[in-house]
Amino acid sequence: MRNWALLIVAAVFEVCWVIGLNQASTVLEWGGTGVAIVVSFILLLQATKQLPVATAYAVFVGLGTVGSVAVDTLVLGQALPAAKLVFIITLLIGVVGLKMVTKESDTEGVS
């Protein structure tokens, strides 16, 4: 379960740097964006030590995408058309499905 938590935190940092790439305008903001990039990938790499890389990366990117759209819509006031919402829900179903069918014990002994 720890590795899934790392992956979720990595996705949160991914959302931070994606938004930062779009919104940063000062040296401090760009520095924070850079730190978020490094932290997100370090946590992703940690999680893939026990989780299958393909599954972990798909979940990482999926959660990052959903999080970025959520921040764009809820914080930055971007429109959320119905078609976009349908695809985001489909993506979330896929991410949850990957989590449900992947067990950390399936990858024990993988280095």
C-alpha atoms as a PDB file:
ATOM      1  CA  MET A   1       0.000   0.000   0.000  1.00  0.00           C
ATOM      2  CA  ARG A   2       2.963   2.319   0.677  1.00  0.00           C
ATOM      3  CA  ASN A   3       3.969   2.287  -2.982  1.00  0.00           C
ATOM      4  CA  TRP A   4       0.473   3.284  -4.102  1.00  0.00           C
ATOM      5  CA  ALA A   5       0.594   6.176  -1.617  1.00  0.00           C
ATOM      6  CA  LEU A   6       3.967   7.252  -3.060  1.00  0.00           C
ATOM      7  CA  LEU A   7       2.423   7.160  -6.512  1.00  0.00           C
ATOM      8  CA  ILE A   8      -0.494   9.358  -5.451  1.00  0.00           C
ATOM      9  CA  VAL A   9       1.850  11.898  -3.853  1.00  0.00           C
ATOM     10  CA  ALA A  10       3.992  11.815  -7.018  1.00  0.00           C
ATOM     11  CA  ALA A  11       0.882  12.611  -9.057  1.00  0.00           C
ATOM     12  CA  VAL A  12       0.093  15.569  -6.775  1.00  0.00           C
ATOM     13  CA  PHE A  13       3.581  16.928  -7.423  1.00  0.00           C
ATOM     14  CA  GLU A  14       3.039  16.297 -11.134  1.00  0.00           C
ATOM     15  CA  VAL A  15      -0.055  18.500 -11.046  1.00  0.00           C
ATOM     16  CA  CYS A  16       2.001  21.180  -9.272  1.00  0.00           C
ATOM     17  CA  TRP A  17       4.708  21.233 -11.920  1.00  0.00           C
ATOM     18  CA  VAL A  18       2.301  21.055 -14.850  1.00  0.00           C
ATOM     19  CA  ILE A  19       0.395  24.050 -13.488  1.00  0.00           C
ATOM     20  CA  GLY A  20       3.721  25.701 -12.649  1.00  0.00           C
ATOM     21  CA  LEU A  21       4.939  25.371 -16.235  1.00  0.00           C
ATOM     22  CA  ASN A  22       1.866  27.289 -17.328  1.00  0.00           C
ATOM     23  CA  GLN A  23       1.609  29.835 -14.516  1.00  0.00           C
ATOM     24  CA  ALA A  24       5.163  30.524 -13.249  1.00  0.00           C
ATOM     25  CA  SER A  25       6.430  34.039 -13.821  1.00  0.00           C
ATOM     26  CA  THR A  26       9.046  34.628 -11.100  1.00  0.00           C
ATOM     27  CA  VAL A  27      12.330  32.933 -10.279  1.00  0.00           C
ATOM     28  CA  LEU A  28      10.810  31.551  -7.076  1.00  0.00           C
ATOM     29  CA  GLU A  29       7.820  30.077  -8.943  1.00  0.00           C
ATOM     30  CA  TRP A  30      10.113  28.525 -11.554  1.00  0.00           C
ATOM     31  CA  GLY A  31      12.271  27.125  -8.752  1.00  0.00           C
ATOM     32  CA  GLY A  32       9.208  25.572  -7.122  1.00  0.00           C
ATOM     33  CA  THR A  33       8.206  24.098 -10.464  1.00  0.00           C
ATOM     34  CA  GLY A  34      11.663  22.563 -10.836  1.00  0.00           C
ATOM     35  CA  VAL A  35      11.525  21.095  -7.329  1.00  0.00           C
ATOM     36  CA  ALA A  36       8.070  19.635  -8.060  1.00  0.00           C
ATOM     37  CA  ILE A  37       9.418  17.972 -11.232  1.00  0.00           C
ATOM     38  CA  VAL A  38      12.300  16.369  -9.352  1.00  0.00           C
ATOM     39  CA  VAL A  39      10.152  15.243  -6.399  1.00  0.00           C
ATOM     40  CA  SER A  40       7.433  13.777  -8.638  1.00  0.00           C
ATOM     41  CA  PHE A  41       9.883  11.646 -10.593  1.00  0.00           C
ATOM     42  CA  ILE A  42      11.832  10.530  -7.512  1.00  0.00           C
ATOM     43  CA  LEU A  43       8.585   9.328  -5.921  1.00  0.00           C
ATOM     44  CA  LEU A  44       7.525   7.639  -9.170  1.00  0.00           C
ATOM     45  CA  LEU A  45      10.867   5.820  -9.330  1.00  0.00           C
ATOM     46  CA  GLN A  46      10.508   4.733  -5.696  1.00  0.00           C
ATOM     47  CA  ALA A  47       7.033   3.342  -6.366  1.00  0.00           C
ATOM     48  CA  THR A  48       8.216   1.396  -9.425  1.00  0.00           C
ATOM     49  CA  LYS A  49      10.667  -0.552  -7.295  1.00  0.00           C
ATOM     50  CA  GLN A  50       7.694  -2.665  -6.177  1.00  0.00           C
ATOM     51  CA  LEU A  51       4.946  -1.889  -8.699  1.00  0.00           C
ATOM     52  CA  PRO A  52       4.996  -2.802 -12.395  1.00  0.00           C
ATOM     53  CA  VAL A  53       6.441   0.143 -14.308  1.00  0.00           C
ATOM     54  CA  ALA A  54       3.721   0.214 -16.969  1.00  0.00           C
ATOM     55  CA  THR A  55       0.925   0.220 -14.389  1.00  0.00           C
ATOM     56  CA  ALA A  56       2.629   2.776 -12.147  1.00  0.00           C
ATOM     57  CA  TYR A  57       3.315   5.133 -15.026  1.00  0.00           C
ATOM     58  CA  ALA A  58      -0.242   4.823 -16.377  1.00  0.00           C
ATOM     59  CA  VAL A  59      -1.674   5.615 -12.941  1.00  0.00           C
ATOM     60  CA  PHE A  60       0.817   8.480 -12.452  1.00  0.00           C
ATOM     61  CA  VAL A  61      -0.069  10.092 -15.771  1.00  0.00           C
ATOM     62  CA  GLY A  62      -3.802   9.433 -15.373  1.00  0.00           C
ATOM     63  CA  LEU A  63      -3.970  10.987 -11.912  1.00  0.00           C
ATOM     64  CA  GLY A  64      -1.815  13.870 -13.086  1.00  0.00           C
ATOM     65  CA  THR A  65      -4.141  14.505 -16.001  1.00  0.00           C
ATOM     66  CA  VAL A  66      -7.260  14.383 -13.844  1.00  0.00           C
ATOM     67  CA  GLY A  67      -5.633  16.596 -11.225  1.00  0.00           C
ATOM     68  CA  SER A  68      -4.503  19.147 -13.808  1.00  0.00           C
ATOM     69  CA  VAL A  69      -7.982  19.352 -15.321  1.00  0.00           C
ATOM     70  CA  ALA A  70      -9.490  19.697 -11.840  1.00  0.00           C
ATOM     71  CA  VAL A  71      -7.146  22.571 -10.933  1.00  0.00           C
ATOM     72  CA  ASP A  72      -7.733  24.226 -14.318  1.00  0.00           C
ATOM     73  CA  THR A  73     -11.487  24.032 -13.797  1.00  0.00           C
ATOM     74  CA  LEU A  74     -11.885  24.653 -10.065  1.00  0.00           C
ATOM     75  CA  VAL A  75      -9.035  27.079  -9.404  1.00  0.00           C
ATOM     76  CA  LEU A  76      -8.231  28.748 -12.711  1.00  0.00           C
ATOM     77  CA  GLY A  77     -11.808  28.962 -14.001  1.00  0.00           C
ATOM     78  CA  GLN A  78     -11.349  27.033 -17.268  1.00  0.00           C
ATOM     79  CA  ALA A  79     -14.469  25.580 -18.905  1.00  0.00           C
ATOM     80  CA  LEU A  80     -15.167  21.858 -18.591  1.00  0.00           C
ATOM     81  CA  PRO A  81     -17.206  20.701 -21.594  1.00  0.00           C
ATOM     82  CA  ALA A  82     -19.332  17.569 -21.187  1.00  0.00           C
ATOM     83  CA  ALA A  83     -17.206  15.571 -23.640  1.00  0.00           C
ATOM     84  CA  LYS A  84     -14.046  16.355 -21.646  1.00  0.00           C
ATOM     85  CA  LEU A  85     -15.792  15.263 -18.451  1.00  0.00           C
ATOM     86  CA  VAL A  86     -16.813  11.949 -20.039  1.00  0.00           C
ATOM     87  CA  PHE A  87     -13.212  11.224 -21.032  1.00  0.00           C
ATOM     88  CA  ILE A  88     -11.882  12.204 -17.600  1.00  0.00           C
ATOM     89  CA  ILE A  89     -14.360   9.806 -15.967  1.00  0.00           C
ATOM     90  CA  THR A  90     -13.285   7.077 -18.405  1.00  0.00           C
ATOM     91  CA  LEU A  91      -9.654   7.750 -17.507  1.00  0.00           C
ATOM     92  CA  LEU A  92     -10.434   7.550 -13.783  1.00  0.00           C
ATOM     93  CA  ILE A  93     -12.225   4.225 -14.275  1.00  0.00           C
ATOM     94  CA  GLY A  94      -9.111   2.915 -16.021  1.00  0.00           C
ATOM     95  CA  VAL A  95      -6.805   4.126 -13.244  1.00  0.00           C
ATOM     96  CA  VAL A  96      -8.989   2.551 -10.541  1.00  0.00           C
ATOM     97  CA  GLY A  97      -9.192  -0.653 -12.586  1.00  0.00           C
ATOM     98  CA  LEU A  98      -5.393  -0.835 -12.867  1.00  0.00           C
ATOM     99  CA  LYS A  99      -5.080  -0.359  -9.109  1.00  0.00           C
ATOM    100  CA  MET A 100      -7.624  -3.105  -8.460  1.00  0.00           C
ATOM    101  CA  VAL A 101      -5.959  -5.705 -10.674  1.00  0.00           C
ATOM    102  CA  THR A 102      -2.359  -4.960  -9.613  1.00  0.00           C
ATOM    103  CA  LYS A 103      -1.084  -6.311  -6.342  1.00  0.00           C
ATOM    104  CA  GLU A 104       2.275  -5.349  -4.842  1.00  0.00           C
ATOM    105  CA  SER A 105       2.823  -9.022  -3.961  1.00  0.00           C
ATOM    106  CA  ASP A 106       2.722  -9.862  -7.694  1.00  0.00           C
ATOM    107  CA  THR A 107       6.003  -8.030  -8.139  1.00  0.00           C
ATOM    108  CA  GLU A 108       7.932  -9.231  -5.078  1.00  0.00           C
ATOM    109  CA  GLY A 109      11.458 -10.154  -5.941  1.00  0.00           C
ATOM    110  CA  VAL A 110      11.556  -7.722  -8.845  1.00  0.00           C
ATOM    111  CA  SER A 111      14.562  -5.466  -8.580  1.00  0.00           C
END
